[in-house]
Amino acid sequence: MAQKTIMLACSAGMSTSLLVSKMQAAAKAAGVDYKIFATAASDVPNQLTSAEKPDVLMLGPQIAYMKNDMQKQADSAGIPMDIINMQDYGMMNGASVLNAAEKLLKDK
C-alpha cells in the first residue's frame, strides 16, 4: 500500500511543526507509516496541485476562518479536509489528530 500523506496547515507552518512530531510518534507507536508535514496556509494551493499532493489536509484552528476557501481548493483536488480540534491542538494531542486524519482517509 502506498504511503499516505497528511498535511497540516497553519498561519506560518511553525506552530503545527510540534504537532507533526507528536503525530509521527503516535503513528510509529501504532505501527503505521505516514508522511506528515506542516506548511504555511499560503503554500496550500501549491501543495494541492503538486505531483505529490497530500491525501488529507488538516487546518490549524487559528486559520479556521479560511475554511471555505481551503475547502473549495481541497475539493477541486479531491482531498478530504477538516479543521484540527481546538482542544487537541492546544494539548498537542498527536494521537487524537492522527485519528481524525485517518477517519478522513477512510471516509474519502
N, C-alpha and C. Protein backbone atom coordinates (compact mmCIF):
# COMPACT_ATOMS: atom_id res chain seq x y z
N MET A 1 0.83 -1.19 0.00
CA MET A 1 0.00 0.00 0.00
C MET A 1 0.88 1.25 0.00
N ALA A 2 0.51 2.20 -0.82
CA ALA A 2 1.31 3.42 -0.92
C ALA A 2 1.21 4.22 0.38
N GLN A 3 2.30 4.87 0.71
CA GLN A 3 2.32 5.69 1.92
C GLN A 3 1.36 6.86 1.76
N LYS A 4 0.57 7.12 2.78
CA LYS A 4 -0.37 8.24 2.77
C LYS A 4 0.32 9.48 3.33
N THR A 5 -0.09 10.63 2.81
CA THR A 5 0.50 11.90 3.24
C THR A 5 -0.55 12.76 3.92
N ILE A 6 -0.22 13.24 5.10
CA ILE A 6 -1.10 14.12 5.87
C ILE A 6 -0.42 15.49 5.95
N MET A 7 -1.13 16.51 5.48
CA MET A 7 -0.59 17.87 5.50
C MET A 7 -1.35 18.70 6.52
N LEU A 8 -0.60 19.35 7.42
CA LEU A 8 -1.19 20.28 8.37
C LEU A 8 -0.86 21.69 7.89
N ALA A 9 -1.83 22.58 7.98
CA ALA A 9 -1.58 23.96 7.58
C ALA A 9 -1.93 24.90 8.72
N CYS A 10 -1.07 25.90 8.92
CA CYS A 10 -1.36 26.96 9.90
C CYS A 10 -0.85 28.26 9.32
N SER A 11 -0.90 29.34 10.10
CA SER A 11 -0.53 30.64 9.56
C SER A 11 0.85 30.62 8.91
N ALA A 12 1.85 30.13 9.64
CA ALA A 12 3.20 30.14 9.09
C ALA A 12 3.83 28.75 8.98
N GLY A 13 3.14 27.73 9.48
CA GLY A 13 3.70 26.38 9.42
C GLY A 13 4.58 26.06 10.61
N MET A 14 4.73 27.04 11.51
CA MET A 14 5.63 26.83 12.65
C MET A 14 4.94 26.14 13.83
N SER A 15 3.78 26.64 14.21
CA SER A 15 3.14 26.10 15.41
C SER A 15 2.69 24.66 15.20
N THR A 16 2.41 24.27 13.97
CA THR A 16 1.98 22.90 13.74
C THR A 16 3.15 21.93 13.66
N SER A 17 4.39 22.44 13.57
CA SER A 17 5.51 21.51 13.43
C SER A 17 5.70 20.64 14.68
N LEU A 18 5.40 21.18 15.86
CA LEU A 18 5.46 20.36 17.08
C LEU A 18 4.39 19.27 17.02
N LEU A 19 3.20 19.65 16.54
CA LEU A 19 2.12 18.68 16.42
C LEU A 19 2.50 17.57 15.43
N VAL A 20 3.20 17.93 14.36
CA VAL A 20 3.67 16.93 13.39
C VAL A 20 4.52 15.88 14.10
N SER A 21 5.47 16.32 14.95
CA SER A 21 6.32 15.36 15.67
C SER A 21 5.49 14.45 16.56
N LYS A 22 4.49 15.03 17.22
CA LYS A 22 3.63 14.23 18.10
C LYS A 22 2.83 13.22 17.28
N MET A 23 2.35 13.64 16.11
CA MET A 23 1.59 12.72 15.24
C MET A 23 2.49 11.61 14.70
N GLN A 24 3.73 11.96 14.34
CA GLN A 24 4.67 10.95 13.84
C GLN A 24 4.96 9.92 14.92
N ALA A 25 5.11 10.38 16.15
CA ALA A 25 5.36 9.47 17.27
C ALA A 25 4.16 8.54 17.47
N ALA A 26 2.94 9.12 17.37
CA ALA A 26 1.72 8.32 17.55
C ALA A 26 1.59 7.29 16.42
N ALA A 27 1.92 7.70 15.20
CA ALA A 27 1.85 6.79 14.05
C ALA A 27 2.85 5.65 14.22
N LYS A 28 4.06 5.99 14.66
CA LYS A 28 5.09 4.98 14.86
C LYS A 28 4.65 3.98 15.94
N ALA A 29 4.07 4.51 17.02
CA ALA A 29 3.60 3.65 18.12
C ALA A 29 2.49 2.73 17.63
N ALA A 30 1.69 3.22 16.67
CA ALA A 30 0.58 2.41 16.15
C ALA A 30 1.04 1.50 15.01
N GLY A 31 2.31 1.62 14.64
CA GLY A 31 2.85 0.77 13.59
C GLY A 31 2.39 1.16 12.19
N VAL A 32 2.04 2.43 11.99
CA VAL A 32 1.63 2.88 10.66
C VAL A 32 2.65 3.90 10.15
N ASP A 33 2.77 3.95 8.84
CA ASP A 33 3.78 4.81 8.24
C ASP A 33 3.10 5.88 7.40
N TYR A 34 3.13 7.11 7.89
CA TYR A 34 2.57 8.24 7.15
C TYR A 34 3.65 9.27 6.91
N LYS A 35 3.50 10.00 5.84
CA LYS A 35 4.33 11.18 5.65
C LYS A 35 3.48 12.31 6.22
N ILE A 36 3.96 12.97 7.27
CA ILE A 36 3.21 14.04 7.92
C ILE A 36 4.08 15.29 7.90
N PHE A 37 3.53 16.38 7.40
CA PHE A 37 4.31 17.62 7.39
C PHE A 37 3.41 18.83 7.59
N ALA A 38 4.04 19.94 7.98
CA ALA A 38 3.31 21.19 8.20
C ALA A 38 3.75 22.20 7.15
N THR A 39 2.81 23.06 6.77
CA THR A 39 3.13 24.11 5.81
C THR A 39 2.34 25.36 6.15
N ALA A 40 2.74 26.46 5.57
CA ALA A 40 2.02 27.72 5.77
C ALA A 40 0.75 27.70 4.93
N ALA A 41 -0.29 28.37 5.42
CA ALA A 41 -1.56 28.44 4.68
C ALA A 41 -1.34 28.95 3.26
N SER A 42 -0.42 29.89 3.11
CA SER A 42 -0.17 30.47 1.79
C SER A 42 0.41 29.47 0.79
N ASP A 43 0.98 28.37 1.31
CA ASP A 43 1.59 27.36 0.44
C ASP A 43 0.62 26.23 0.08
N VAL A 44 -0.55 26.21 0.71
CA VAL A 44 -1.51 25.12 0.48
C VAL A 44 -1.88 24.96 -1.00
N PRO A 45 -2.21 26.05 -1.73
CA PRO A 45 -2.56 25.88 -3.16
C PRO A 45 -1.45 25.18 -3.96
N ASN A 46 -0.18 25.53 -3.68
CA ASN A 46 0.95 24.87 -4.37
C ASN A 46 0.99 23.39 -4.05
N GLN A 47 0.81 23.06 -2.77
CA GLN A 47 0.87 21.67 -2.33
C GLN A 47 -0.26 20.84 -2.96
N LEU A 48 -1.46 21.44 -3.03
CA LEU A 48 -2.62 20.71 -3.54
C LEU A 48 -2.53 20.44 -5.04
N THR A 49 -1.72 21.21 -5.73
CA THR A 49 -1.60 21.00 -7.17
C THR A 49 -0.27 20.34 -7.55
N SER A 50 0.54 20.02 -6.55
CA SER A 50 1.83 19.39 -6.84
C SER A 50 1.64 17.92 -7.21
N ALA A 51 2.66 17.34 -7.80
CA ALA A 51 2.60 15.94 -8.21
C ALA A 51 2.47 15.03 -7.00
N GLU A 52 3.04 15.44 -5.89
CA GLU A 52 2.98 14.64 -4.67
C GLU A 52 2.00 15.25 -3.68
N LYS A 53 0.80 15.56 -4.16
CA LYS A 53 -0.17 16.22 -3.28
C LYS A 53 -0.56 15.31 -2.12
N PRO A 54 -0.93 15.92 -0.99
CA PRO A 54 -1.28 15.14 0.21
C PRO A 54 -2.59 14.38 0.03
N ASP A 55 -2.80 13.39 0.88
CA ASP A 55 -4.05 12.62 0.86
C ASP A 55 -5.10 13.25 1.77
N VAL A 56 -4.63 14.05 2.74
CA VAL A 56 -5.52 14.71 3.71
C VAL A 56 -4.93 16.08 4.04
N LEU A 57 -5.83 17.05 4.22
CA LEU A 57 -5.42 18.39 4.66
C LEU A 57 -6.11 18.69 5.98
N MET A 58 -5.32 19.04 6.99
CA MET A 58 -5.86 19.42 8.30
C MET A 58 -5.45 20.87 8.57
N LEU A 59 -6.43 21.72 8.88
CA LEU A 59 -6.15 23.13 9.16
C LEU A 59 -6.01 23.37 10.66
N GLY A 60 -5.02 24.16 11.04
CA GLY A 60 -4.89 24.57 12.43
C GLY A 60 -6.06 25.46 12.80
N PRO A 61 -6.51 25.39 14.06
CA PRO A 61 -7.68 26.19 14.47
C PRO A 61 -7.50 27.69 14.25
N GLN A 62 -6.24 28.16 14.26
CA GLN A 62 -6.03 29.60 14.10
C GLN A 62 -6.30 30.08 12.67
N ILE A 63 -6.45 29.16 11.72
CA ILE A 63 -6.83 29.58 10.36
C ILE A 63 -8.19 29.01 9.97
N ALA A 64 -9.00 28.69 10.98
CA ALA A 64 -10.34 28.15 10.72
C ALA A 64 -11.16 29.11 9.85
N TYR A 65 -10.88 30.42 9.96
CA TYR A 65 -11.61 31.40 9.16
C TYR A 65 -11.38 31.22 7.66
N MET A 66 -10.34 30.47 7.28
CA MET A 66 -10.05 30.22 5.86
C MET A 66 -10.73 28.96 5.35
N LYS A 67 -11.54 28.34 6.19
CA LYS A 67 -12.09 27.03 5.85
C LYS A 67 -12.80 26.99 4.50
N ASN A 68 -13.69 27.94 4.22
CA ASN A 68 -14.45 27.88 2.97
C ASN A 68 -13.56 27.90 1.75
N ASP A 69 -12.59 28.81 1.75
CA ASP A 69 -11.66 28.92 0.63
C ASP A 69 -10.83 27.65 0.49
N MET A 70 -10.30 27.17 1.62
CA MET A 70 -9.48 25.95 1.61
C MET A 70 -10.31 24.74 1.17
N GLN A 71 -11.58 24.70 1.62
CA GLN A 71 -12.45 23.57 1.27
C GLN A 71 -12.64 23.49 -0.25
N LYS A 72 -12.84 24.64 -0.89
CA LYS A 72 -13.00 24.67 -2.34
C LYS A 72 -11.75 24.10 -3.02
N GLN A 73 -10.60 24.54 -2.55
CA GLN A 73 -9.33 24.08 -3.14
C GLN A 73 -9.14 22.59 -2.91
N ALA A 74 -9.45 22.14 -1.69
CA ALA A 74 -9.28 20.72 -1.36
C ALA A 74 -10.25 19.88 -2.19
N ASP A 75 -11.51 20.35 -2.32
CA ASP A 75 -12.50 19.63 -3.11
C ASP A 75 -12.06 19.50 -4.56
N SER A 76 -11.53 20.59 -5.12
CA SER A 76 -11.14 20.54 -6.53
C SER A 76 -9.93 19.63 -6.72
N ALA A 77 -9.15 19.42 -5.65
CA ALA A 77 -8.00 18.50 -5.72
C ALA A 77 -8.42 17.09 -5.32
N GLY A 78 -9.68 16.94 -4.86
CA GLY A 78 -10.16 15.62 -4.44
C GLY A 78 -9.56 15.16 -3.12
N ILE A 79 -9.30 16.10 -2.24
CA ILE A 79 -8.64 15.78 -0.97
C ILE A 79 -9.56 16.13 0.20
N PRO A 80 -9.80 15.18 1.13
CA PRO A 80 -10.62 15.50 2.30
C PRO A 80 -9.90 16.49 3.21
N MET A 81 -10.67 17.36 3.84
CA MET A 81 -10.09 18.40 4.68
C MET A 81 -10.94 18.59 5.93
N ASP A 82 -10.29 18.94 7.03
CA ASP A 82 -11.02 19.28 8.24
C ASP A 82 -10.16 20.22 9.07
N ILE A 83 -10.80 20.80 10.08
CA ILE A 83 -10.08 21.68 10.99
C ILE A 83 -9.68 20.84 12.21
N ILE A 84 -8.44 21.02 12.65
CA ILE A 84 -7.95 20.28 13.82
C ILE A 84 -8.74 20.74 15.05
N ASN A 85 -9.19 19.79 15.84
CA ASN A 85 -9.92 20.09 17.06
C ASN A 85 -9.09 21.02 17.94
N MET A 86 -9.72 22.12 18.37
CA MET A 86 -9.03 23.15 19.15
C MET A 86 -8.37 22.58 20.42
N GLN A 87 -9.09 21.72 21.14
CA GLN A 87 -8.55 21.16 22.37
C GLN A 87 -7.36 20.24 22.07
N ASP A 88 -7.48 19.39 21.04
CA ASP A 88 -6.37 18.50 20.66
C ASP A 88 -5.16 19.33 20.24
N TYR A 89 -5.43 20.42 19.53
CA TYR A 89 -4.34 21.28 19.08
C TYR A 89 -3.65 21.92 20.27
N GLY A 90 -4.45 22.47 21.18
CA GLY A 90 -3.90 23.14 22.35
C GLY A 90 -3.07 22.21 23.21
N MET A 91 -3.52 20.96 23.32
CA MET A 91 -2.80 19.98 24.14
C MET A 91 -1.75 19.22 23.33
N MET A 92 -1.63 19.57 22.05
CA MET A 92 -0.69 18.88 21.15
C MET A 92 -0.91 17.37 21.20
N ASN A 93 -2.17 16.96 21.12
CA ASN A 93 -2.53 15.55 21.19
C ASN A 93 -2.38 14.91 19.81
N GLY A 94 -1.16 14.48 19.52
CA GLY A 94 -0.85 13.92 18.21
C GLY A 94 -1.69 12.70 17.86
N ALA A 95 -1.94 11.83 18.84
CA ALA A 95 -2.70 10.60 18.58
C ALA A 95 -4.13 10.93 18.16
N SER A 96 -4.73 11.90 18.83
CA SER A 96 -6.12 12.26 18.52
C SER A 96 -6.22 12.91 17.13
N VAL A 97 -5.28 13.80 16.81
CA VAL A 97 -5.29 14.45 15.50
C VAL A 97 -5.01 13.42 14.41
N LEU A 98 -4.13 12.47 14.70
CA LEU A 98 -3.85 11.40 13.75
C LEU A 98 -5.12 10.58 13.49
N ASN A 99 -5.86 10.27 14.56
CA ASN A 99 -7.12 9.53 14.41
C ASN A 99 -8.10 10.29 13.52
N ALA A 100 -8.18 11.60 13.71
CA ALA A 100 -9.09 12.43 12.90
C ALA A 100 -8.67 12.38 11.42
N ALA A 101 -7.37 12.43 11.17
CA ALA A 101 -6.87 12.37 9.80
C ALA A 101 -7.16 10.99 9.19
N GLU A 102 -6.98 9.93 9.99
CA GLU A 102 -7.25 8.58 9.49
C GLU A 102 -8.73 8.40 9.16
N LYS A 103 -9.59 9.01 9.96
CA LYS A 103 -11.03 8.93 9.70
C LYS A 103 -11.35 9.60 8.35
N LEU A 104 -10.71 10.73 8.08
CA LEU A 104 -10.90 11.41 6.80
C LEU A 104 -10.44 10.52 5.64
N LEU A 105 -9.32 9.84 5.85
CA LEU A 105 -8.80 8.93 4.82
C LEU A 105 -9.77 7.81 4.53
N LYS A 106 -10.36 7.24 5.59
CA LYS A 106 -11.30 6.12 5.43
C LYS A 106 -12.59 6.57 4.75
N ASP A 107 -13.06 7.78 5.10
CA ASP A 107 -14.33 8.28 4.56
C ASP A 107 -14.19 8.78 3.12
N LYS A 108 -12.96 8.94 2.68
CA LYS A 108 -12.68 9.55 1.36
C LYS A 108 -13.37 8.81 0.23
